Amino acid sequence: MTNEFVLEAITREFPESVISSSEPYGMLTIEVKKEDLKKIVHYLKDSTLEINFLTDVCGIHYPEFPEKEIGVVYHLHNMMTNFRLRLKIFMSRENIEVDSLVDLYAGANWMERETYDFFGIKFKGHPDLRPILNMEDLGYHPMLKEYRLEDGTRTDKDDAMFGR
């Protein structure tokens, strides 16, 4: 199975859903429309592509891009052919909700909870969406780039040293 074959299969089945694709470090990476994600993942799992393992779900935050400020990245894997695929979806801060994949991959349960916990991304249809690592009364999502990395009273370091 090749990157070209999988990309062609996805674009054939979902021609309006694929926004962009690339191959950083040889891994096929496809940005898809948020509302079509679950249909695409269901197709990948149940078709002859047999993408049968969800390796990871993680959030990303790009505050400099308001229309694509919050993202979710899904790493998927076909264990038989050792084929790996990365799917990305993006959304604005006002619409920070995506369909849960728990009914397709049971392992998505804790991964989605962790992503909710750190980024505040809500997963529609998740059976138990609550913080998993942080305290429930924390009141904010610590991985969002809204908070200073260092104590503001320190003069020996500034945010520029940390890529901000």
Protein backbone atom coordinates (compact mmCIF):
# COMPACT_ATOMS: atom_id res chain seq x y z
CA MET A 1 0.00 0.00 0.00
CA THR A 2 1.41 3.39 -0.99
CA ASN A 3 0.66 6.98 -0.04
CA GLU A 4 -0.57 7.67 -3.57
CA PHE A 5 -2.93 4.68 -3.51
CA VAL A 6 -4.51 5.67 -0.18
CA LEU A 7 -4.81 9.35 -1.15
CA GLU A 8 -6.45 8.41 -4.44
CA ALA A 9 -8.89 6.06 -2.65
CA ILE A 10 -9.90 8.77 -0.17
CA THR A 11 -10.29 11.49 -2.81
CA ARG A 12 -12.32 9.10 -4.99
CA GLU A 13 -14.75 8.32 -2.14
CA PHE A 14 -14.81 11.84 -0.62
CA PRO A 15 -13.89 14.30 -3.39
CA GLU A 16 -15.19 17.38 -1.55
CA SER A 17 -13.70 16.46 1.83
CA VAL A 18 -9.97 16.60 1.18
CA ILE A 19 -8.59 20.11 1.73
CA SER A 20 -4.89 19.40 1.29
CA SER A 21 -2.32 16.63 1.47
CA SER A 22 1.41 16.35 2.01
CA GLU A 23 4.04 13.75 2.89
CA PRO A 24 6.30 15.10 5.63
CA TYR A 25 8.99 12.52 6.40
CA GLY A 26 7.20 10.08 4.08
CA MET A 27 3.97 9.89 6.13
CA LEU A 28 0.80 10.71 4.23
CA THR A 29 -0.86 13.68 5.93
CA ILE A 30 -4.34 14.75 4.83
CA GLU A 31 -6.31 17.74 6.02
CA VAL A 32 -10.02 17.00 5.77
CA LYS A 33 -13.24 18.85 6.53
CA LYS A 34 -14.24 18.51 10.16
CA GLU A 35 -17.80 17.44 9.40
CA ASP A 36 -16.61 14.55 7.18
CA LEU A 37 -13.96 13.14 9.53
CA LYS A 38 -16.02 10.32 11.01
CA LYS A 39 -17.24 9.14 7.60
CA ILE A 40 -13.67 9.10 6.29
CA VAL A 41 -12.30 7.20 9.29
CA HIS A 42 -15.18 4.72 9.08
CA TYR A 43 -14.36 4.17 5.40
CA LEU A 44 -10.64 3.72 6.17
CA LYS A 45 -11.42 1.11 8.80
CA ASP A 46 -14.08 -0.89 6.96
CA SER A 47 -12.73 -0.74 3.39
CA THR A 48 -9.98 -2.88 1.88
CA LEU A 49 -7.51 -0.30 3.23
CA GLU A 50 -8.04 -1.87 6.69
CA ILE A 51 -6.73 1.05 8.74
CA ASN A 52 -7.47 -0.90 11.91
CA PHE A 53 -5.53 0.89 14.66
CA LEU A 54 -5.81 4.40 16.08
CA THR A 55 -2.32 5.24 17.32
CA ASP A 56 -2.93 8.72 18.71
CA VAL A 57 -5.31 11.65 18.95
CA CYS A 58 -3.87 15.01 19.88
CA GLY A 59 -4.79 18.67 19.77
CA ILE A 60 -2.90 21.64 18.37
CA HIS A 61 -3.36 25.37 18.84
CA TYR A 62 -2.35 28.02 16.31
CA PRO A 63 -3.56 31.33 17.77
CA GLU A 64 -2.12 33.23 14.81
CA PHE A 65 -4.67 31.61 12.42
CA PRO A 66 -8.19 32.51 13.67
CA GLU A 67 -10.06 30.35 11.12
CA LYS A 68 -7.84 27.33 11.84
CA GLU A 69 -6.94 28.11 15.43
CA ILE A 70 -7.69 24.71 16.96
CA GLY A 71 -6.84 21.40 15.34
CA VAL A 72 -7.08 17.71 16.04
CA VAL A 73 -4.55 15.26 14.60
CA TYR A 74 -5.34 11.56 14.20
CA HIS A 75 -2.56 9.01 13.61
CA LEU A 76 -3.91 5.81 12.07
CA HIS A 77 -2.15 2.55 11.24
CA ASN A 78 -2.72 -0.58 9.17
CA MET A 79 -0.93 -3.25 11.20
CA MET A 80 -0.88 -5.82 8.37
CA THR A 81 0.98 -3.62 5.86
CA ASN A 82 2.61 -1.24 8.37
CA PHE A 83 1.01 1.72 6.60
CA ARG A 84 0.64 4.91 8.64
CA LEU A 85 -1.63 7.86 7.96
CA ARG A 86 -2.15 11.24 9.62
CA LEU A 87 -5.50 13.04 9.37
CA LYS A 88 -5.87 16.67 10.45
CA ILE A 89 -8.93 18.78 11.01
CA PHE A 90 -9.08 22.45 11.97
CA MET A 91 -11.75 24.70 13.42
CA SER A 92 -12.23 28.19 14.75
CA ARG A 93 -12.32 28.92 18.45
CA GLU A 94 -16.09 29.53 18.32
CA ASN A 95 -16.83 26.02 17.03
CA ILE A 96 -14.53 23.78 19.06
CA GLU A 97 -16.39 20.47 18.72
CA VAL A 98 -15.78 17.33 16.64
CA ASP A 99 -17.37 13.89 16.39
CA SER A 100 -16.04 11.24 18.75
CA LEU A 101 -14.42 8.12 17.29
CA VAL A 102 -14.99 5.96 20.39
CA ASP A 103 -17.61 3.88 18.59
CA LEU A 104 -15.04 3.06 15.85
CA TYR A 105 -11.93 2.70 18.01
CA ALA A 106 -12.41 1.96 21.72
CA GLY A 107 -8.89 3.26 22.38
CA ALA A 108 -10.03 6.74 21.37
CA ASN A 109 -11.79 7.06 24.74
CA TRP A 110 -8.85 8.15 26.86
CA MET A 111 -7.08 9.92 23.97
CA GLU A 112 -10.12 12.15 23.39
CA ARG A 113 -10.44 12.78 27.12
CA GLU A 114 -6.80 13.87 27.26
CA THR A 115 -7.28 16.17 24.24
CA TYR A 116 -10.37 17.67 25.88
CA ASP A 117 -8.50 18.05 29.15
CA PHE A 118 -5.54 19.93 27.68
CA PHE A 119 -7.11 21.81 24.74
CA GLY A 120 -10.84 22.06 25.54
CA ILE A 121 -11.89 20.31 22.33
CA LYS A 122 -15.33 18.74 22.83
CA PHE A 123 -15.99 15.34 21.27
CA LYS A 124 -19.66 14.87 20.34
CA GLY A 125 -20.97 11.49 21.40
CA HIS A 126 -18.13 10.69 23.78
CA PRO A 127 -19.42 8.43 26.60
CA ASP A 128 -17.48 10.08 29.46
CA LEU A 129 -15.94 13.41 28.45
CA ARG A 130 -14.31 14.76 31.59
CA PRO A 131 -10.75 15.61 32.63
CA ILE A 132 -8.44 12.63 32.85
CA LEU A 133 -5.09 14.10 33.97
CA ASN A 134 -5.88 17.55 35.38
CA MET A 135 -8.05 18.32 38.37
CA GLU A 136 -11.71 18.72 37.48
CA ASP A 137 -11.87 22.20 39.04
CA LEU A 138 -8.80 23.51 37.19
CA GLY A 139 -10.94 25.91 35.13
CA TYR A 140 -8.71 26.21 32.06
CA HIS A 141 -6.99 24.10 29.42
CA PRO A 142 -3.22 24.33 29.99
CA MET A 143 -1.95 23.48 26.48
CA LEU A 144 -3.67 26.45 24.85
CA LYS A 145 -1.17 29.17 24.04
CA GLU A 146 -2.99 31.74 26.15
CA TYR A 147 -0.78 31.75 29.17
CA ARG A 148 2.72 33.02 29.71
CA LEU A 149 5.36 30.34 29.98
CA GLU A 150 7.32 32.12 32.67
CA ASP A 151 6.63 34.26 35.68
CA GLY A 152 6.13 37.85 34.48
CA THR A 153 8.33 39.21 37.24
CA ARG A 154 11.42 37.36 35.97
CA THR A 155 13.87 39.45 33.99
CA ASP A 156 16.29 36.69 32.94
CA LYS A 157 13.87 35.04 30.48
CA ASP A 158 11.17 36.15 28.05
CA ASP A 159 8.66 34.40 25.78
CA ALA A 160 10.85 35.00 22.70
CA MET A 161 13.20 32.34 24.06
CA PHE A 162 10.38 29.81 23.81
CA GLY A 163 9.25 30.55 20.25
CA ARG A 164 6.57 33.08 21.17
